[in-house]
N, C-alpha and C. Protein backbone atom coordinates (compact mmCIF):
# COMPACT_ATOMS: atom_id res chain seq x y z
N UNK A 1 0.84 -1.17 0.00
CA UNK A 1 0.00 0.00 0.00
C UNK A 1 0.89 1.24 0.00
N UNK A 2 0.36 2.31 -0.58
CA UNK A 2 1.15 3.52 -0.69
C UNK A 2 0.36 4.74 -0.25
N UNK A 3 1.09 5.78 0.12
CA UNK A 3 0.50 7.08 0.38
C UNK A 3 0.63 7.89 -0.90
N UNK A 4 -0.49 8.35 -1.43
CA UNK A 4 -0.48 9.15 -2.65
C UNK A 4 -1.01 10.53 -2.29
N UNK A 5 -0.17 11.53 -2.45
CA UNK A 5 -0.52 12.90 -2.10
C UNK A 5 -0.58 13.75 -3.36
N UNK A 6 -1.63 14.55 -3.46
CA UNK A 6 -1.82 15.45 -4.60
C UNK A 6 -1.59 16.89 -4.19
N UNK A 7 -0.96 17.64 -5.09
CA UNK A 7 -0.81 19.09 -4.95
C UNK A 7 -1.21 19.70 -6.28
N UNK A 8 -1.99 20.77 -6.23
CA UNK A 8 -2.38 21.49 -7.43
C UNK A 8 -1.82 22.90 -7.36
N UNK A 9 -1.31 23.39 -8.47
CA UNK A 9 -0.81 24.76 -8.58
C UNK A 9 -1.62 25.43 -9.69
N UNK A 10 -2.22 26.58 -9.35
CA UNK A 10 -3.14 27.21 -10.29
C UNK A 10 -2.44 27.82 -11.50
N UNK A 11 -1.42 28.60 -11.30
CA UNK A 11 -0.82 29.38 -12.38
C UNK A 11 0.04 28.52 -13.29
N UNK A 12 -0.05 28.77 -14.57
CA UNK A 12 0.77 28.06 -15.55
C UNK A 12 2.22 28.55 -15.48
N UNK A 13 3.14 27.67 -15.82
CA UNK A 13 4.57 27.98 -15.80
C UNK A 13 5.25 26.97 -16.72
N UNK A 14 6.51 27.17 -16.98
CA UNK A 14 7.27 26.25 -17.83
C UNK A 14 7.24 24.85 -17.21
N UNK A 15 6.56 23.89 -17.83
CA UNK A 15 6.44 22.57 -17.21
C UNK A 15 7.77 21.83 -17.07
N UNK A 16 8.70 22.03 -17.99
CA UNK A 16 9.99 21.35 -17.88
C UNK A 16 10.77 21.86 -16.66
N UNK A 17 10.76 23.16 -16.46
CA UNK A 17 11.45 23.70 -15.28
C UNK A 17 10.80 23.22 -13.99
N UNK A 18 9.47 23.22 -13.97
CA UNK A 18 8.76 22.78 -12.77
C UNK A 18 9.09 21.32 -12.47
N UNK A 19 9.05 20.46 -13.48
CA UNK A 19 9.34 19.04 -13.26
C UNK A 19 10.77 18.84 -12.79
N UNK A 20 11.70 19.56 -13.36
CA UNK A 20 13.12 19.44 -12.97
C UNK A 20 13.29 19.81 -11.49
N UNK A 21 12.63 20.87 -11.08
CA UNK A 21 12.67 21.27 -9.66
C UNK A 21 12.11 20.15 -8.78
N UNK A 22 10.96 19.61 -9.15
CA UNK A 22 10.34 18.55 -8.37
C UNK A 22 11.22 17.31 -8.30
N UNK A 23 11.86 16.96 -9.40
CA UNK A 23 12.77 15.81 -9.39
C UNK A 23 13.90 15.99 -8.38
N UNK A 24 14.45 17.18 -8.33
CA UNK A 24 15.57 17.43 -7.42
C UNK A 24 15.18 17.26 -5.96
N UNK A 25 13.92 17.48 -5.64
CA UNK A 25 13.47 17.35 -4.25
C UNK A 25 13.68 15.94 -3.71
N UNK A 26 13.61 14.96 -4.57
CA UNK A 26 13.78 13.56 -4.13
C UNK A 26 15.07 12.95 -4.69
N UNK A 27 15.94 13.78 -5.23
CA UNK A 27 17.22 13.29 -5.73
C UNK A 27 17.12 12.48 -7.00
N UNK A 28 16.08 12.71 -7.80
CA UNK A 28 15.88 11.88 -8.99
C UNK A 28 16.22 12.58 -10.30
N UNK A 29 16.94 13.70 -10.23
CA UNK A 29 17.21 14.46 -11.45
C UNK A 29 18.02 13.69 -12.47
N UNK A 30 18.77 12.68 -12.04
CA UNK A 30 19.54 11.86 -12.98
C UNK A 30 18.89 10.50 -13.24
N UNK A 31 17.69 10.31 -12.71
CA UNK A 31 16.98 9.05 -12.90
C UNK A 31 16.24 9.00 -14.22
N UNK A 32 15.61 7.87 -14.46
CA UNK A 32 14.83 7.68 -15.68
C UNK A 32 13.45 8.32 -15.50
N UNK A 33 12.99 8.99 -16.55
CA UNK A 33 11.69 9.64 -16.51
C UNK A 33 11.12 9.64 -17.92
N UNK A 34 9.86 10.01 -18.01
CA UNK A 34 9.21 10.01 -19.31
C UNK A 34 8.33 11.26 -19.44
N UNK A 35 8.30 11.81 -20.65
CA UNK A 35 7.40 12.90 -20.98
C UNK A 35 6.33 12.33 -21.90
N UNK A 36 5.11 12.33 -21.45
CA UNK A 36 3.99 11.84 -22.24
C UNK A 36 3.34 13.05 -22.90
N UNK A 37 3.61 13.22 -24.18
CA UNK A 37 3.19 14.44 -24.86
C UNK A 37 1.93 14.27 -25.71
N UNK A 38 1.55 13.03 -26.01
CA UNK A 38 0.37 12.83 -26.85
C UNK A 38 -0.47 11.68 -26.30
N UNK A 39 -1.79 11.71 -26.48
CA UNK A 39 -2.64 10.61 -26.02
C UNK A 39 -2.22 9.30 -26.67
N UNK A 40 -2.32 8.23 -25.93
CA UNK A 40 -1.94 6.92 -26.45
C UNK A 40 -0.48 6.59 -26.21
N UNK A 41 0.27 7.56 -25.70
CA UNK A 41 1.70 7.41 -25.45
C UNK A 41 1.96 7.13 -23.97
N UNK A 42 0.99 6.49 -23.30
CA UNK A 42 1.06 6.35 -21.86
C UNK A 42 0.39 5.08 -21.38
N UNK A 43 0.55 4.80 -20.08
CA UNK A 43 -0.03 3.59 -19.50
C UNK A 43 -1.52 3.73 -19.20
N UNK A 44 -2.03 4.94 -19.06
CA UNK A 44 -3.44 5.18 -18.76
C UNK A 44 -3.92 6.39 -19.55
N UNK A 45 -5.13 6.32 -20.01
CA UNK A 45 -5.73 7.51 -20.61
C UNK A 45 -7.24 7.42 -20.42
N UNK A 46 -7.87 8.56 -20.19
CA UNK A 46 -9.31 8.54 -19.95
C UNK A 46 -10.06 8.19 -21.22
N UNK A 47 -11.25 7.62 -21.06
CA UNK A 47 -12.08 7.33 -22.23
C UNK A 47 -12.43 8.61 -22.96
N UNK A 48 -12.68 9.69 -22.21
CA UNK A 48 -13.00 10.99 -22.79
C UNK A 48 -11.69 11.76 -22.99
N UNK A 49 -11.21 11.84 -24.21
CA UNK A 49 -9.91 12.47 -24.46
C UNK A 49 -9.90 13.97 -24.18
N UNK A 50 -11.07 14.58 -23.98
CA UNK A 50 -11.04 15.99 -23.58
C UNK A 50 -10.49 16.13 -22.17
N UNK A 51 -10.42 15.04 -21.43
CA UNK A 51 -9.88 15.06 -20.06
C UNK A 51 -8.38 14.78 -20.04
N UNK A 52 -7.82 14.35 -21.16
CA UNK A 52 -6.40 14.01 -21.23
C UNK A 52 -5.53 15.26 -21.10
N UNK A 53 -4.37 15.09 -20.48
CA UNK A 53 -3.40 16.18 -20.39
C UNK A 53 -2.00 15.57 -20.43
N UNK A 54 -1.02 16.30 -20.94
CA UNK A 54 0.35 15.79 -20.98
C UNK A 54 0.94 15.70 -19.58
N UNK A 55 1.97 14.86 -19.44
CA UNK A 55 2.57 14.68 -18.11
C UNK A 55 4.05 14.32 -18.23
N UNK A 56 4.73 14.54 -17.12
CA UNK A 56 6.07 14.04 -16.89
C UNK A 56 5.96 13.08 -15.72
N UNK A 57 6.72 11.99 -15.73
CA UNK A 57 6.74 11.12 -14.55
C UNK A 57 8.04 10.35 -14.48
N UNK A 58 8.45 10.08 -13.24
CA UNK A 58 9.62 9.24 -13.02
C UNK A 58 9.24 7.79 -13.26
N UNK A 59 10.19 7.02 -13.75
CA UNK A 59 9.98 5.59 -13.87
C UNK A 59 10.07 4.98 -12.48
N UNK A 60 9.28 3.93 -12.24
CA UNK A 60 9.29 3.30 -10.92
C UNK A 60 10.47 2.34 -10.78
N UNK A 61 10.74 1.92 -9.55
CA UNK A 61 11.76 0.93 -9.28
C UNK A 61 13.19 1.45 -9.31
N UNK A 62 13.39 2.72 -9.05
CA UNK A 62 14.74 3.30 -9.08
C UNK A 62 15.30 3.58 -7.69
N UNK A 63 14.51 3.31 -6.65
CA UNK A 63 14.99 3.50 -5.29
C UNK A 63 14.83 4.91 -4.74
N UNK A 64 14.11 5.77 -5.42
CA UNK A 64 13.87 7.11 -4.90
C UNK A 64 12.77 7.04 -3.85
N UNK A 65 12.72 8.02 -2.94
CA UNK A 65 11.75 7.93 -1.85
C UNK A 65 10.30 8.09 -2.27
N UNK A 66 10.05 8.60 -3.47
CA UNK A 66 8.67 8.77 -3.94
C UNK A 66 8.64 8.66 -5.45
N UNK A 67 7.51 8.23 -5.96
CA UNK A 67 7.26 8.28 -7.39
C UNK A 67 6.61 9.63 -7.66
N UNK A 68 7.11 10.32 -8.64
CA UNK A 68 6.64 11.66 -8.98
C UNK A 68 5.93 11.63 -10.32
N UNK A 69 4.74 12.23 -10.37
CA UNK A 69 4.05 12.45 -11.64
C UNK A 69 3.51 13.87 -11.64
N UNK A 70 3.69 14.57 -12.73
CA UNK A 70 3.20 15.94 -12.86
C UNK A 70 2.44 16.06 -14.18
N UNK A 71 1.15 16.32 -14.08
CA UNK A 71 0.31 16.57 -15.24
C UNK A 71 0.14 18.08 -15.37
N UNK A 72 0.11 18.57 -16.60
CA UNK A 72 0.01 20.01 -16.77
C UNK A 72 -0.93 20.36 -17.92
N UNK A 73 -1.52 21.54 -17.82
CA UNK A 73 -2.43 22.01 -18.86
C UNK A 73 -1.66 22.69 -19.98
N UNK A 74 -1.96 22.33 -21.19
CA UNK A 74 -1.29 22.94 -22.34
C UNK A 74 -1.71 24.39 -22.55
N UNK A 75 -2.98 24.61 -22.53
CA UNK A 75 -3.51 25.95 -22.84
C UNK A 75 -4.44 26.43 -21.73
N UNK A 76 -4.11 26.14 -20.52
CA UNK A 76 -4.97 26.60 -19.43
C UNK A 76 -5.10 25.55 -18.35
N UNK A 77 -6.28 25.47 -17.78
CA UNK A 77 -6.50 24.64 -16.61
C UNK A 77 -6.79 23.19 -16.97
N UNK A 78 -6.41 22.31 -16.06
CA UNK A 78 -6.67 20.89 -16.21
C UNK A 78 -8.14 20.60 -15.89
N UNK A 79 -8.64 19.53 -16.46
CA UNK A 79 -9.99 19.06 -16.12
C UNK A 79 -9.85 17.84 -15.23
N UNK A 80 -10.81 17.64 -14.38
CA UNK A 80 -10.81 16.49 -13.48
C UNK A 80 -10.99 15.22 -14.31
N UNK A 81 -10.00 14.30 -14.28
CA UNK A 81 -10.14 13.07 -15.05
C UNK A 81 -11.16 12.11 -14.43
N UNK A 82 -11.61 12.41 -13.21
CA UNK A 82 -12.61 11.58 -12.53
C UNK A 82 -13.79 12.45 -12.09
N UNK A 83 -14.46 13.11 -13.03
CA UNK A 83 -15.55 14.01 -12.62
C UNK A 83 -16.69 13.24 -11.97
N UNK A 84 -17.42 13.89 -11.05
CA UNK A 84 -18.58 13.24 -10.44
C UNK A 84 -19.63 12.93 -11.50
N UNK A 85 -20.39 11.89 -11.27
CA UNK A 85 -21.50 11.56 -12.17
C UNK A 85 -22.54 12.68 -12.09
N UNK A 86 -23.31 12.84 -13.15
CA UNK A 86 -24.31 13.91 -13.20
C UNK A 86 -25.30 13.83 -12.04
N UNK A 87 -25.66 12.61 -11.63
CA UNK A 87 -26.64 12.47 -10.56
C UNK A 87 -25.98 12.37 -9.18
N UNK A 88 -24.68 12.59 -9.11
CA UNK A 88 -23.94 12.52 -7.85
C UNK A 88 -24.18 13.80 -7.05
N UNK A 89 -24.47 13.65 -5.77
CA UNK A 89 -24.69 14.82 -4.91
C UNK A 89 -23.39 15.49 -4.49
N UNK A 90 -22.27 14.81 -4.66
CA UNK A 90 -20.98 15.36 -4.26
C UNK A 90 -20.51 16.41 -5.27
N UNK A 91 -20.00 17.54 -4.79
CA UNK A 91 -19.47 18.55 -5.72
C UNK A 91 -18.12 18.12 -6.29
N UNK A 92 -17.75 18.68 -7.41
CA UNK A 92 -16.44 18.43 -8.01
C UNK A 92 -15.43 19.26 -7.22
N UNK A 93 -14.54 18.59 -6.50
CA UNK A 93 -13.58 19.30 -5.65
C UNK A 93 -12.23 19.50 -6.34
N UNK A 94 -12.15 19.18 -7.63
CA UNK A 94 -10.91 19.34 -8.37
C UNK A 94 -10.58 20.82 -8.47
N UNK A 95 -9.46 21.28 -7.90
CA UNK A 95 -9.13 22.71 -7.96
C UNK A 95 -8.84 23.19 -9.38
N UNK A 96 -9.05 24.47 -9.59
CA UNK A 96 -8.76 25.10 -10.88
C UNK A 96 -7.25 25.28 -10.95
N UNK A 97 -6.58 24.41 -11.69
CA UNK A 97 -5.12 24.38 -11.65
C UNK A 97 -4.52 24.08 -13.01
N UNK A 98 -3.29 24.54 -13.18
CA UNK A 98 -2.51 24.24 -14.39
C UNK A 98 -1.58 23.06 -14.18
N UNK A 99 -1.25 22.76 -12.92
CA UNK A 99 -0.40 21.62 -12.59
C UNK A 99 -1.10 20.73 -11.57
N UNK A 100 -1.01 19.43 -11.77
CA UNK A 100 -1.42 18.44 -10.77
C UNK A 100 -0.20 17.57 -10.52
N UNK A 101 0.31 17.62 -9.30
CA UNK A 101 1.52 16.90 -8.92
C UNK A 101 1.13 15.81 -7.95
N UNK A 102 1.62 14.59 -8.18
CA UNK A 102 1.37 13.52 -7.22
C UNK A 102 2.68 12.91 -6.78
N UNK A 103 2.72 12.59 -5.49
CA UNK A 103 3.85 11.91 -4.87
C UNK A 103 3.30 10.60 -4.30
N UNK A 104 3.96 9.49 -4.57
CA UNK A 104 3.49 8.18 -4.15
C UNK A 104 4.63 7.46 -3.42
N UNK A 105 4.39 7.09 -2.15
CA UNK A 105 5.42 6.46 -1.32
C UNK A 105 4.80 5.32 -0.53
N UNK A 106 5.54 4.23 -0.39
CA UNK A 106 5.06 3.09 0.38
C UNK A 106 4.84 3.47 1.84
N UNK A 107 3.80 2.90 2.45
CA UNK A 107 3.51 3.20 3.86
C UNK A 107 4.67 2.80 4.77
N UNK A 108 5.42 1.79 4.41
CA UNK A 108 6.53 1.32 5.23
C UNK A 108 7.80 2.12 5.09
N UNK A 109 7.75 3.21 4.33
CA UNK A 109 8.93 4.03 4.07
C UNK A 109 9.53 4.58 5.36
N UNK A 110 10.85 4.52 5.47
CA UNK A 110 11.61 5.14 6.56
C UNK A 110 12.84 5.77 5.95
N UNK A 111 13.15 6.99 6.38
CA UNK A 111 14.36 7.67 5.89
C UNK A 111 15.59 6.90 6.34
N UNK A 112 16.70 7.14 5.65
CA UNK A 112 17.94 6.43 5.96
C UNK A 112 18.55 6.90 7.27
N UNK A 113 18.33 8.15 7.66
CA UNK A 113 18.87 8.62 8.93
C UNK A 113 17.98 8.14 10.06
N UNK A 114 18.47 8.27 11.25
CA UNK A 114 17.75 7.78 12.42
C UNK A 114 16.83 8.85 12.99
N UNK A 115 16.05 9.51 12.14
CA UNK A 115 15.18 10.57 12.63
C UNK A 115 13.72 10.14 12.76
N UNK A 116 13.42 8.90 12.40
CA UNK A 116 12.07 8.38 12.56
C UNK A 116 11.06 8.89 11.54
N UNK A 117 11.51 9.57 10.52
CA UNK A 117 10.58 10.12 9.53
C UNK A 117 9.93 9.01 8.71
N UNK A 118 8.62 9.11 8.53
CA UNK A 118 7.88 8.17 7.71
C UNK A 118 7.34 8.86 6.46
N UNK A 119 6.48 8.16 5.74
CA UNK A 119 5.98 8.70 4.48
C UNK A 119 5.18 9.98 4.66
N UNK A 120 4.43 10.12 5.76
CA UNK A 120 3.66 11.35 5.98
C UNK A 120 4.60 12.55 6.14
N UNK A 121 5.73 12.34 6.83
CA UNK A 121 6.70 13.42 7.03
C UNK A 121 7.35 13.81 5.70
N UNK A 122 7.74 12.80 4.92
CA UNK A 122 8.31 13.07 3.61
C UNK A 122 7.33 13.86 2.75
N UNK A 123 6.07 13.44 2.73
CA UNK A 123 5.07 14.11 1.90
C UNK A 123 4.77 15.51 2.42
N UNK A 124 4.80 15.71 3.73
CA UNK A 124 4.62 17.07 4.27
C UNK A 124 5.74 17.98 3.75
N UNK A 125 6.96 17.47 3.73
CA UNK A 125 8.08 18.25 3.18
C UNK A 125 7.87 18.53 1.69
N UNK A 126 7.45 17.53 0.93
CA UNK A 126 7.25 17.71 -0.51
C UNK A 126 6.11 18.69 -0.79
N UNK A 127 5.06 18.66 0.03
CA UNK A 127 3.96 19.62 -0.10
C UNK A 127 4.49 21.03 0.13
N UNK A 128 5.31 21.20 1.16
CA UNK A 128 5.86 22.53 1.46
C UNK A 128 6.79 23.00 0.33
N UNK A 129 7.52 22.08 -0.28
CA UNK A 129 8.39 22.45 -1.40
C UNK A 129 7.55 22.85 -2.62
N UNK A 130 6.43 22.18 -2.84
CA UNK A 130 5.50 22.59 -3.92
C UNK A 130 4.92 23.97 -3.60
N UNK A 131 4.63 24.21 -2.32
CA UNK A 131 4.12 25.52 -1.90
C UNK A 131 5.14 26.61 -2.20
N UNK A 132 6.42 26.32 -1.97
CA UNK A 132 7.47 27.30 -2.26
C UNK A 132 7.49 27.62 -3.75
N UNK A 133 7.31 26.61 -4.59
CA UNK A 133 7.27 26.84 -6.04
C UNK A 133 6.05 27.68 -6.41
N UNK A 134 4.90 27.36 -5.82
CA UNK A 134 3.68 28.12 -6.11
C UNK A 134 3.86 29.59 -5.69
N UNK A 135 4.41 29.80 -4.53
CA UNK A 135 4.62 31.18 -4.07
C UNK A 135 5.61 31.90 -5.00
N UNK A 136 6.64 31.19 -5.43
CA UNK A 136 7.65 31.81 -6.30
C UNK A 136 7.03 32.31 -7.60
N UNK A 137 6.10 31.55 -8.16
CA UNK A 137 5.48 31.97 -9.43
C UNK A 137 4.20 32.78 -9.19
N UNK A 138 3.90 33.08 -7.93
CA UNK A 138 2.74 33.92 -7.61
C UNK A 138 1.42 33.21 -7.81
N UNK A 139 1.35 31.96 -7.36
CA UNK A 139 0.16 31.14 -7.63
C UNK A 139 -0.51 30.66 -6.35
N UNK A 140 -1.82 30.45 -6.44
CA UNK A 140 -2.55 29.73 -5.40
C UNK A 140 -2.22 28.25 -5.54
N UNK A 141 -2.42 27.50 -4.45
CA UNK A 141 -2.15 26.07 -4.49
C UNK A 141 -3.03 25.35 -3.48
N UNK A 142 -3.20 24.04 -3.70
CA UNK A 142 -4.02 23.20 -2.84
C UNK A 142 -3.31 21.87 -2.64
N UNK A 143 -3.66 21.18 -1.58
CA UNK A 143 -3.14 19.83 -1.37
C UNK A 143 -4.27 18.96 -0.85
N UNK A 144 -4.11 17.65 -1.06
CA UNK A 144 -5.15 16.71 -0.63
C UNK A 144 -4.57 15.70 0.34
N UNK A 145 -5.26 15.51 1.45
CA UNK A 145 -4.92 14.49 2.43
C UNK A 145 -5.59 13.20 1.99
N UNK A 146 -4.80 12.24 1.56
CA UNK A 146 -5.39 10.99 1.07
C UNK A 146 -6.13 10.25 2.17
N UNK A 147 -5.66 10.38 3.40
CA UNK A 147 -6.30 9.65 4.51
C UNK A 147 -7.74 10.11 4.74
N UNK A 148 -8.00 11.40 4.61
CA UNK A 148 -9.34 11.94 4.87
C UNK A 148 -10.10 12.28 3.59
N UNK A 149 -9.39 12.41 2.46
CA UNK A 149 -10.00 12.81 1.21
C UNK A 149 -10.23 14.31 1.10
N UNK A 150 -9.85 15.06 2.12
CA UNK A 150 -10.07 16.50 2.11
C UNK A 150 -9.03 17.22 1.27
N UNK A 151 -9.49 18.22 0.52
CA UNK A 151 -8.60 19.08 -0.26
C UNK A 151 -8.57 20.43 0.42
N UNK A 152 -7.34 20.93 0.63
CA UNK A 152 -7.15 22.16 1.39
C UNK A 152 -6.52 23.25 0.54
N UNK A 153 -7.01 24.49 0.71
CA UNK A 153 -6.33 25.67 0.19
C UNK A 153 -5.03 25.76 1.00
N UNK A 154 -3.90 25.68 0.32
CA UNK A 154 -2.62 25.61 1.01
C UNK A 154 -2.27 26.83 1.83
N UNK A 155 -2.79 27.99 1.47
CA UNK A 155 -2.47 29.22 2.20
C UNK A 155 -3.48 29.53 3.29
N UNK A 156 -4.54 28.76 3.39
CA UNK A 156 -5.55 29.02 4.41
C UNK A 156 -5.04 28.56 5.78
N UNK A 157 -5.57 29.18 6.82
CA UNK A 157 -5.22 28.78 8.18
C UNK A 157 -5.56 27.32 8.41
N UNK A 158 -6.72 26.90 7.91
CA UNK A 158 -7.15 25.51 8.08
C UNK A 158 -6.23 24.54 7.33
N UNK A 159 -5.84 24.94 6.10
CA UNK A 159 -4.95 24.09 5.30
C UNK A 159 -3.59 23.93 5.94
N UNK A 160 -3.07 25.01 6.52
CA UNK A 160 -1.77 24.94 7.20
C UNK A 160 -1.87 24.08 8.46
N UNK A 161 -2.96 24.22 9.20
CA UNK A 161 -3.15 23.41 10.41
C UNK A 161 -3.28 21.93 10.05
N UNK A 162 -4.01 21.63 8.98
CA UNK A 162 -4.17 20.24 8.55
C UNK A 162 -2.83 19.64 8.14
N UNK A 163 -1.98 20.45 7.50
CA UNK A 163 -0.67 19.95 7.08
C UNK A 163 0.21 19.65 8.29
N UNK A 164 0.12 20.47 9.33
CA UNK A 164 0.89 20.21 10.55
C UNK A 164 0.45 18.91 11.21
N UNK A 165 -0.85 18.60 11.14
CA UNK A 165 -1.35 17.35 11.71
C UNK A 165 -0.98 16.16 10.83
N UNK A 166 -0.87 16.40 9.53
CA UNK A 166 -0.59 15.34 8.55
C UNK A 166 0.81 14.76 8.71
N UNK A 167 1.82 15.63 8.83
CA UNK A 167 3.20 15.15 8.93
C UNK A 167 4.15 16.26 9.34
N UNK A 168 5.36 15.87 9.71
CA UNK A 168 6.39 16.81 10.15
C UNK A 168 7.33 17.10 8.99
N UNK A 169 7.14 18.25 8.34
CA UNK A 169 7.93 18.60 7.15
C UNK A 169 9.41 18.75 7.48
N UNK A 170 9.73 19.28 8.65
CA UNK A 170 11.14 19.44 9.02
C UNK A 170 11.83 18.09 9.13
N UNK A 171 11.17 17.14 9.77
CA UNK A 171 11.74 15.80 9.89
C UNK A 171 11.81 15.12 8.52
N UNK A 172 10.80 15.34 7.68
CA UNK A 172 10.78 14.75 6.34
C UNK A 172 11.87 15.29 5.44
N UNK A 173 12.36 16.51 5.72
CA UNK A 173 13.37 17.16 4.88
C UNK A 173 14.80 16.79 5.25
N UNK A 174 14.99 16.16 6.39
CA UNK A 174 16.35 15.97 6.91
C UNK A 174 17.29 15.25 5.96
N UNK A 175 16.80 14.25 5.25
CA UNK A 175 17.67 13.50 4.34
C UNK A 175 17.48 13.88 2.87
N UNK A 176 16.64 14.86 2.61
CA UNK A 176 16.37 15.25 1.22
C UNK A 176 17.37 16.30 0.76
N UNK A 177 17.65 16.32 -0.54
CA UNK A 177 18.56 17.35 -1.06
C UNK A 177 18.01 18.75 -0.81
N UNK A 178 18.89 19.69 -0.57
CA UNK A 178 18.49 21.10 -0.44
C UNK A 178 18.37 21.67 -1.84
N UNK A 179 17.22 22.24 -2.16
CA UNK A 179 16.95 22.75 -3.50
C UNK A 179 16.50 24.20 -3.39
N UNK A 180 17.14 25.06 -4.15
CA UNK A 180 16.82 26.48 -4.17
C UNK A 180 15.75 26.72 -5.23
N UNK A 181 14.53 27.01 -4.78
CA UNK A 181 13.41 27.17 -5.70
C UNK A 181 13.65 28.31 -6.69
N UNK A 182 14.21 29.42 -6.23
CA UNK A 182 14.44 30.56 -7.13
C UNK A 182 15.45 30.20 -8.21
N UNK A 183 16.50 29.51 -7.84
CA UNK A 183 17.51 29.11 -8.82
C UNK A 183 16.92 28.13 -9.84
N UNK A 184 16.19 27.16 -9.36
CA UNK A 184 15.65 26.12 -10.25
C UNK A 184 14.57 26.63 -11.19
N UNK A 185 13.75 27.55 -10.72
CA UNK A 185 12.64 28.00 -11.55
C UNK A 185 12.97 29.25 -12.37
N UNK A 186 14.10 29.90 -12.08
CA UNK A 186 14.41 31.12 -12.82
C UNK A 186 15.42 30.89 -13.94
N UNK A 187 16.21 29.84 -13.85
CA UNK A 187 17.23 29.59 -14.87
C UNK A 187 16.73 28.55 -15.86
N UNK A 188 16.95 28.78 -17.16
CA UNK A 188 16.56 27.78 -18.15
C UNK A 188 17.28 26.45 -17.90
N UNK A 189 16.55 25.37 -18.00
CA UNK A 189 17.11 24.04 -17.81
C UNK A 189 16.99 23.26 -19.10
N UNK A 190 18.07 22.68 -19.54
CA UNK A 190 18.01 21.86 -20.75
C UNK A 190 17.47 20.50 -20.45
N UNK A 191 16.25 20.25 -20.81
CA UNK A 191 15.60 18.96 -20.58
C UNK A 191 14.77 18.66 -21.82
N UNK A 192 14.95 17.53 -22.38
CA UNK A 192 14.22 17.22 -23.61
C UNK A 192 13.36 15.98 -23.41
N UNK A 193 12.39 15.84 -24.28
CA UNK A 193 11.48 14.70 -24.15
C UNK A 193 12.00 13.50 -24.89
């Protein structure tokens, strides 16, 4: 079983730079990854191709602390690939976003140092690093707690409190590479598909 955490960033930005920054957070910048640029070029695609969006993702089985996938909107906002049924009483909680980032880590995950950090702590750190990227580009952002299914406005008092209860970002960051968000998102990065 795995912990899968979602983060949405509203404002559009260079997807290659964003993905490169996210890769560095888990030390996977030299790992294998794939850019899925067209429908049919991937392991999953929705039946309704109007819901399809391009993505970058790390290949699994490389020993990194999390699997990273980032879907992005080509010409604007992403659509929810799992919209509620028309007769469903539940509202569509998919945030209005240009990026959807997911981090997936096994529940049994433990950092290599003796700090006791588990997958919730790692994901709390990764959520905060996504927040730093969103703030850098002047964007709103949201995160989802997989355990409760709740989606939080990341800058709200409630969202910040929920993140503190979710995991310890400081403990989760102890063994992760230090990444300068301004440097990574402001300098052109040579990355090809």
